Amino acid sequence: IDLIILATSSPDVPMSSTAGIVQNKLGCTDCGAFDINAVCAGWVHALDVGSRFVGTVGYENVLVIGSEIYSRILNWEDRSTCVLFGDGAGAVILSEVPEGKGIIGSWLMSDGSGAGVIEIPAGGVRVPIPSENFEEGMQYFHMDGRAVWTFAIEAFPQAVLGVLERCGKKIEEVDLIIPHQANINIVKAGMENLGLPMSKTFTNLHKYGNTAGASVPIAMHEAMEEGKIAEGSLVVTVAFGGGLAWGANLIQF
């Protein structure tokens, strides 16, 4: 392994990187390691960044991880959030593949004006714990559910169409869309806005809930196990979340 990139919004500690902690536990003593925090869209960002290292001098194998433990950052008295999320992790190793295979391209976007829609208000340098501005509860995950819905049902299709246009592909060529497992109604609305049936997507929300930055790699692994992804499949991975951040990757298997 020449590089480790870990997408997480629930790091072990604010400093240093969780990727470095993972590197030490794996015994990968001769490689770089860093975190990416794009919340639920972290995986698609990390996959894009990792793909850009592969093939450059010194980077033959890049380990990309999505890992979250939301059970430790949720307010278990807030039933509007705590019942939605789960813990999980997924990983891939990126290496060079023949021309026309692998990650064909990505499309990433952010809107920092929506940073407060999904956040943990305290724990950073803006509101340290403790401080005169800190109030109990600010150390937990907060989400404006209505604003997230409005954002997600537009971001989902925008990212899918964005990466397809960038890569010169048509929606009809896509075999499977693997979305961030946020909410089944968001997935249904996103697929409807794309004009695609639910048979063109994969969901496992009923088993794990929303595992944030880990949801896409977990779903991709299970889709492969169930035979929904095979040699020759053209797949879009798409995610959206806090930041606000959203994006998609186009992958040719």
Foldseek 3Di string as FASTA:
>chain_A
DAEEEEEEPAAPAPDDANQVVVCVVVVVPHHYYHYDYLWLQRQLVQQQVLVVCAPPPRPFKYKYKYWYQQCVQADPVPPVPNVFAFGDMFMDIDGDDDPPAWFLDKDKDFDQVQQVQWDLQECDPVCYVPDPPDDPPSSHIDHDVVVCLVVLLVQLLVQVVVGCVVNVHDPVQAQAEEEQQADVVSVCSNCVVVVHDCVRYFYDCVPGGGNRNRRRRVRVVVCVVVVSDDQQHWYKYWYADHSRMIMITIGGD
